Amino acid sequence: MTTTFANLVTQNKTTINDSGAATWSTAEIATFHNDAIRDCSNHFPRVLTDSITVTNGTQEYDLNTDFMGVLSVEYPDGESPREFLKRRPYTAGDGAGFWTLDGYYDILKRDDDDDDTSQIIFSEDLVTDAVAVVEYHAHHALIANTASISGDCTVMPQHQHLLVKFVAWQAT
């Protein structure tokens, strides 16, 4: 069963004994809730996959904005047995050791406050229309509009009580 943000905000208000919003507005509770989700993402991130259709001659690709860290890179997709690339710094030695080898990737990780997105770099020239599958850790979804609470919570149900406790802590 999926828990909605609206249900969690209502639960938060009940927990802090402010269901009438006499002390804390819904927007303030939602802001506390987003802080809790950000913190939870550091300890219990989502695991997602991204399929990247590659093109010959291009070795750098943007990763999703919710990217936190890579778990595995499968290339090409659909092989049996599955083939995984190994991580190797693209700057290893003079860099030539990366670009002349097949079967490697590296990540250019951007800071969360940076406007640039993280990128994956492949060591080999890829086959056009082949697919690389990146499994990665990601941030959980936030309440996008704290004035109009909508959407589903992506934090696992067994960790959602932590969000409620975090909001109660913030409200005291």
C-alpha atoms as a PDB file:
ATOM      1  CA  MET A   1       0.000   0.000   0.000  1.00  0.00           C
ATOM      2  CA  THR A   2       1.335   3.408  -0.969  1.00  0.00           C
ATOM      3  CA  THR A   3       1.380   6.147   1.634  1.00  0.00           C
ATOM      4  CA  THR A   4       0.574   9.624   0.385  1.00  0.00           C
ATOM      5  CA  PHE A   5       2.304  12.769   1.590  1.00  0.00           C
ATOM      6  CA  ALA A   6      -1.095  14.116   2.687  1.00  0.00           C
ATOM      7  CA  ASN A   7      -1.600  11.083   4.974  1.00  0.00           C
ATOM      8  CA  LEU A   8       1.850  11.532   6.502  1.00  0.00           C
ATOM      9  CA  VAL A   9       1.340  15.261   7.085  1.00  0.00           C
ATOM     10  CA  THR A  10      -1.991  14.492   8.802  1.00  0.00           C
ATOM     11  CA  GLN A  11      -0.259  11.837  10.913  1.00  0.00           C
ATOM     12  CA  ASN A  12       2.474  14.365  11.757  1.00  0.00           C
ATOM     13  CA  LYS A  13      -0.121  16.922  12.910  1.00  0.00           C
ATOM     14  CA  THR A  14      -1.816  14.312  15.105  1.00  0.00           C
ATOM     15  CA  THR A  15       1.507  13.239  16.614  1.00  0.00           C
ATOM     16  CA  ILE A  16       2.417  16.791  17.626  1.00  0.00           C
ATOM     17  CA  ASN A  17      -1.159  17.421  18.829  1.00  0.00           C
ATOM     18  CA  ASP A  18      -1.764  20.223  16.335  1.00  0.00           C
ATOM     19  CA  SER A  19      -4.386  18.820  13.953  1.00  0.00           C
ATOM     20  CA  GLY A  20      -6.080  22.233  13.807  1.00  0.00           C
ATOM     21  CA  ALA A  21      -2.826  23.912  12.713  1.00  0.00           C
ATOM     22  CA  ALA A  22      -2.954  26.264  15.712  1.00  0.00           C
ATOM     23  CA  THR A  23       0.823  26.270  16.129  1.00  0.00           C
ATOM     24  CA  TRP A  24       2.290  24.906  12.906  1.00  0.00           C
ATOM     25  CA  SER A  25       0.888  25.536   9.436  1.00  0.00           C
ATOM     26  CA  THR A  26       0.553  22.709   6.953  1.00  0.00           C
ATOM     27  CA  ALA A  27       3.333  24.307   4.894  1.00  0.00           C
ATOM     28  CA  GLU A  28       5.656  24.337   7.931  1.00  0.00           C
ATOM     29  CA  ILE A  29       4.879  20.677   8.690  1.00  0.00           C
ATOM     30  CA  ALA A  30       5.527  19.833   5.026  1.00  0.00           C
ATOM     31  CA  THR A  31       8.865  21.672   5.203  1.00  0.00           C
ATOM     32  CA  PHE A  32       9.822  19.655   8.302  1.00  0.00           C
ATOM     33  CA  HIS A  33       8.712  16.535   6.445  1.00  0.00           C
ATOM     34  CA  ASN A  34      10.973  17.396   3.468  1.00  0.00           C
ATOM     35  CA  ASP A  35      13.889  17.888   5.876  1.00  0.00           C
ATOM     36  CA  ALA A  36      13.160  14.418   7.259  1.00  0.00           C
ATOM     37  CA  ILE A  37      13.097  12.911   3.756  1.00  0.00           C
ATOM     38  CA  ARG A  38      16.430  14.549   2.883  1.00  0.00           C
ATOM     39  CA  ASP A  39      17.982  13.100   6.033  1.00  0.00           C
ATOM     40  CA  CYS A  40      16.421   9.687   5.415  1.00  0.00           C
ATOM     41  CA  SER A  41      17.806   9.669   1.861  1.00  0.00           C
ATOM     42  CA  ASN A  42      21.330   9.822   3.279  1.00  0.00           C
ATOM     43  CA  HIS A  43      20.801   6.681   5.346  1.00  0.00           C
ATOM     44  CA  PHE A  44      18.188   4.730   3.372  1.00  0.00           C
ATOM     45  CA  PRO A  45      18.371   5.884  -0.273  1.00  0.00           C
ATOM     46  CA  ARG A  46      16.123   4.618  -3.035  1.00  0.00           C
ATOM     47  CA  VAL A  47      17.554   2.064  -5.451  1.00  0.00           C
ATOM     48  CA  LEU A  48      16.648   2.928  -9.031  1.00  0.00           C
ATOM     49  CA  THR A  49      17.749   1.942 -12.507  1.00  0.00           C
ATOM     50  CA  ASP A  50      18.288   4.114 -15.533  1.00  0.00           C
ATOM     51  CA  SER A  51      18.524   2.725 -19.051  1.00  0.00           C
ATOM     52  CA  ILE A  52      20.792   4.846 -21.229  1.00  0.00           C
ATOM     53  CA  THR A  53      20.608   4.367 -24.981  1.00  0.00           C
ATOM     54  CA  VAL A  54      24.143   5.045 -26.177  1.00  0.00           C
ATOM     55  CA  THR A  55      25.561   6.388 -29.429  1.00  0.00           C
ATOM     56  CA  ASN A  56      28.825   5.605 -31.183  1.00  0.00           C
ATOM     57  CA  GLY A  57      31.279   8.444 -30.685  1.00  0.00           C
ATOM     58  CA  THR A  58      29.739   9.652 -27.410  1.00  0.00           C
ATOM     59  CA  GLN A  59      31.285   8.432 -24.173  1.00  0.00           C
ATOM     60  CA  GLU A  60      29.793  10.865 -21.621  1.00  0.00           C
ATOM     61  CA  TYR A  61      26.142  10.796 -20.560  1.00  0.00           C
ATOM     62  CA  ASP A  62      24.151  12.764 -17.991  1.00  0.00           C
ATOM     63  CA  LEU A  63      22.696  10.849 -15.060  1.00  0.00           C
ATOM     64  CA  ASN A  64      19.356  11.617 -13.431  1.00  0.00           C
ATOM     65  CA  THR A  65      19.225  14.585 -11.069  1.00  0.00           C
ATOM     66  CA  ASP A  66      18.324  12.316  -8.123  1.00  0.00           C
ATOM     67  CA  PHE A  67      21.593  10.345  -8.566  1.00  0.00           C
ATOM     68  CA  MET A  68      23.582   9.827  -5.358  1.00  0.00           C
ATOM     69  CA  GLY A  69      25.928   6.949  -6.162  1.00  0.00           C
ATOM     70  CA  VAL A  70      26.345   4.059  -8.579  1.00  0.00           C
ATOM     71  CA  LEU A  71      25.733   0.430  -7.613  1.00  0.00           C
ATOM     72  CA  SER A  72      26.359  -1.281 -10.952  1.00  0.00           C
ATOM     73  CA  VAL A  73      26.651  -0.623 -14.676  1.00  0.00           C
ATOM     74  CA  GLU A  74      25.545  -3.336 -17.093  1.00  0.00           C
ATOM     75  CA  TYR A  75      26.637  -3.014 -20.724  1.00  0.00           C
ATOM     76  CA  PRO A  76      25.332  -4.111 -23.072  1.00  0.00           C
ATOM     77  CA  ASP A  77      21.909  -4.836 -21.620  1.00  0.00           C
ATOM     78  CA  GLY A  78      20.311  -8.206 -22.324  1.00  0.00           C
ATOM     79  CA  GLU A  79      23.414 -10.412 -22.387  1.00  0.00           C
ATOM     80  CA  SER A  80      23.325 -13.845 -20.816  1.00  0.00           C
ATOM     81  CA  PRO A  81      25.219 -14.031 -18.565  1.00  0.00           C
ATOM     82  CA  ARG A  82      24.951 -10.338 -17.727  1.00  0.00           C
ATOM     83  CA  GLU A  83      28.058  -8.246 -18.343  1.00  0.00           C
ATOM     84  CA  PHE A  84      29.021  -5.563 -15.850  1.00  0.00           C
ATOM     85  CA  LEU A  85      31.564  -2.808 -16.363  1.00  0.00           C
ATOM     86  CA  LYS A  86      34.200  -2.091 -13.729  1.00  0.00           C
ATOM     87  CA  ARG A  87      34.835   1.316 -12.262  1.00  0.00           C
ATOM     88  CA  ARG A  88      38.201   2.877 -13.031  1.00  0.00           C
ATOM     89  CA  PRO A  89      39.182   6.532 -12.636  1.00  0.00           C
ATOM     90  CA  TYR A  90      39.294   8.152 -16.055  1.00  0.00           C
ATOM     91  CA  THR A  91      42.303  10.115 -14.788  1.00  0.00           C
ATOM     92  CA  ALA A  92      44.252   6.944 -13.886  1.00  0.00           C
ATOM     93  CA  GLY A  93      47.862   7.595 -14.736  1.00  0.00           C
ATOM     94  CA  ASP A  94      47.809  10.033 -17.612  1.00  0.00           C
ATOM     95  CA  GLY A  95      44.253   9.059 -18.525  1.00  0.00           C
ATOM     96  CA  ALA A  96      45.384   6.975 -21.493  1.00  0.00           C
ATOM     97  CA  GLY A  97      44.977   3.831 -19.383  1.00  0.00           C
ATOM     98  CA  PHE A  98      41.239   4.482 -19.211  1.00  0.00           C
ATOM     99  CA  TRP A  99      40.489   5.535 -22.785  1.00  0.00           C
ATOM    100  CA  THR A 100      42.361   2.621 -24.384  1.00  0.00           C
ATOM    101  CA  LEU A 101      40.652  -0.127 -22.366  1.00  0.00           C
ATOM    102  CA  ASP A 102      37.253  -1.743 -22.829  1.00  0.00           C
ATOM    103  CA  GLY A 103      34.913  -2.599 -19.977  1.00  0.00           C
ATOM    104  CA  TYR A 104      35.306   0.414 -17.676  1.00  0.00           C
ATOM    105  CA  TYR A 105      33.309   3.438 -16.560  1.00  0.00           C
ATOM    106  CA  ASP A 106      33.785   6.374 -14.231  1.00  0.00           C
ATOM    107  CA  ILE A 107      31.407   8.843 -12.578  1.00  0.00           C
ATOM    108  CA  LEU A 108      31.809  12.619 -12.547  1.00  0.00           C
ATOM    109  CA  LYS A 109      29.858  13.340  -9.358  1.00  0.00           C
ATOM    110  CA  ARG A 110      28.506  16.841  -9.014  1.00  0.00           C
ATOM    111  CA  ASP A 111      27.714  18.521  -5.704  1.00  0.00           C
ATOM    112  CA  ASP A 112      24.062  18.643  -4.679  1.00  0.00           C
ATOM    113  CA  ASP A 113      24.179  22.434  -4.749  1.00  0.00           C
ATOM    114  CA  ASP A 114      25.762  22.486  -8.220  1.00  0.00           C
ATOM    115  CA  ASP A 115      23.496  23.121 -11.216  1.00  0.00           C
ATOM    116  CA  ASP A 116      25.408  20.595 -13.323  1.00  0.00           C
ATOM    117  CA  THR A 117      24.283  16.976 -13.352  1.00  0.00           C
ATOM    118  CA  SER A 118      26.509  14.021 -12.571  1.00  0.00           C
ATOM    119  CA  GLN A 119      27.788  12.124 -15.585  1.00  0.00           C
ATOM    120  CA  ILE A 120      28.894   8.618 -16.452  1.00  0.00           C
ATOM    121  CA  ILE A 121      31.906   8.187 -18.715  1.00  0.00           C
ATOM    122  CA  PHE A 122      32.547   4.976 -20.653  1.00  0.00           C
ATOM    123  CA  SER A 123      36.091   3.925 -21.546  1.00  0.00           C
ATOM    124  CA  GLU A 124      35.150   2.306 -24.825  1.00  0.00           C
ATOM    125  CA  ASP A 125      33.461   3.550 -27.951  1.00  0.00           C
ATOM    126  CA  LEU A 126      29.899   2.263 -27.619  1.00  0.00           C
ATOM    127  CA  VAL A 127      27.599   0.719 -30.193  1.00  0.00           C
ATOM    128  CA  THR A 128      24.804   3.011 -31.399  1.00  0.00           C
ATOM    129  CA  ASP A 129      21.389   2.078 -29.954  1.00  0.00           C
ATOM    130  CA  ALA A 130      22.880  -0.328 -27.422  1.00  0.00           C
ATOM    131  CA  VAL A 131      21.644   0.137 -23.856  1.00  0.00           C
ATOM    132  CA  ALA A 132      23.625   0.563 -20.641  1.00  0.00           C
ATOM    133  CA  VAL A 133      21.694  -0.032 -17.423  1.00  0.00           C
ATOM    134  CA  VAL A 134      22.860   1.969 -14.407  1.00  0.00           C
ATOM    135  CA  GLU A 135      21.603   0.857 -10.997  1.00  0.00           C
ATOM    136  CA  TYR A 136      22.072   3.652  -8.491  1.00  0.00           C
ATOM    137  CA  HIS A 137      21.191   5.161  -5.128  1.00  0.00           C
ATOM    138  CA  ALA A 138      18.824   8.113  -5.384  1.00  0.00           C
ATOM    139  CA  HIS A 139      17.192  10.736  -3.210  1.00  0.00           C
ATOM    140  CA  HIS A 140      13.603  10.142  -2.179  1.00  0.00           C
ATOM    141  CA  ALA A 141      10.830  12.297  -3.654  1.00  0.00           C
ATOM    142  CA  LEU A 142      10.031  15.489  -1.756  1.00  0.00           C
ATOM    143  CA  ILE A 143       6.746  17.326  -1.316  1.00  0.00           C
ATOM    144  CA  ALA A 144       6.990  19.605  -4.343  1.00  0.00           C
ATOM    145  CA  ASN A 145       4.421  22.173  -3.225  1.00  0.00           C
ATOM    146  CA  THR A 146       4.180  22.613   0.536  1.00  0.00           C
ATOM    147  CA  ALA A 147       0.992  24.696   0.153  1.00  0.00           C
ATOM    148  CA  SER A 148      -0.806  21.950  -1.759  1.00  0.00           C
ATOM    149  CA  ILE A 149       0.268  18.562  -0.416  1.00  0.00           C
ATOM    150  CA  SER A 150       0.104  15.835  -3.052  1.00  0.00           C
ATOM    151  CA  GLY A 151       2.064  12.836  -4.244  1.00  0.00           C
ATOM    152  CA  ASP A 152       3.235   9.509  -2.903  1.00  0.00           C
ATOM    153  CA  CYS A 153       5.987   8.998  -0.352  1.00  0.00           C
ATOM    154  CA  THR A 154       8.893   6.928  -1.723  1.00  0.00           C
ATOM    155  CA  VAL A 155      10.422   6.193   1.697  1.00  0.00           C
ATOM    156  CA  MET A 156       9.939   2.504   2.517  1.00  0.00           C
ATOM    157  CA  PRO A 157       6.926   1.887   4.797  1.00  0.00           C
ATOM    158  CA  GLN A 158       9.139   0.420   7.540  1.00  0.00           C
ATOM    159  CA  HIS A 159      11.045   3.753   7.711  1.00  0.00           C
ATOM    160  CA  GLN A 160       8.123   6.169   7.491  1.00  0.00           C
ATOM    161  CA  HIS A 161       7.705   6.274  11.280  1.00  0.00           C
ATOM    162  CA  LEU A 162      11.153   7.913  11.331  1.00  0.00           C
ATOM    163  CA  LEU A 163       9.772  10.774   9.248  1.00  0.00           C
ATOM    164  CA  VAL A 164       6.981  11.314  11.775  1.00  0.00           C
ATOM    165  CA  LYS A 165       9.446  11.256  14.679  1.00  0.00           C
ATOM    166  CA  PHE A 166      11.730  13.721  12.879  1.00  0.00           C
ATOM    167  CA  VAL A 167       8.825  16.146  12.360  1.00  0.00           C
ATOM    168  CA  ALA A 168       7.834  15.813  16.036  1.00  0.00           C
ATOM    169  CA  TRP A 169      11.434  16.572  17.003  1.00  0.00           C
ATOM    170  CA  GLN A 170      11.503  19.649  14.740  1.00  0.00           C
ATOM    171  CA  ALA A 171       8.201  20.898  16.129  1.00  0.00           C
ATOM    172  CA  THR A 172       9.355  20.808  19.757  1.00  0.00           C
END
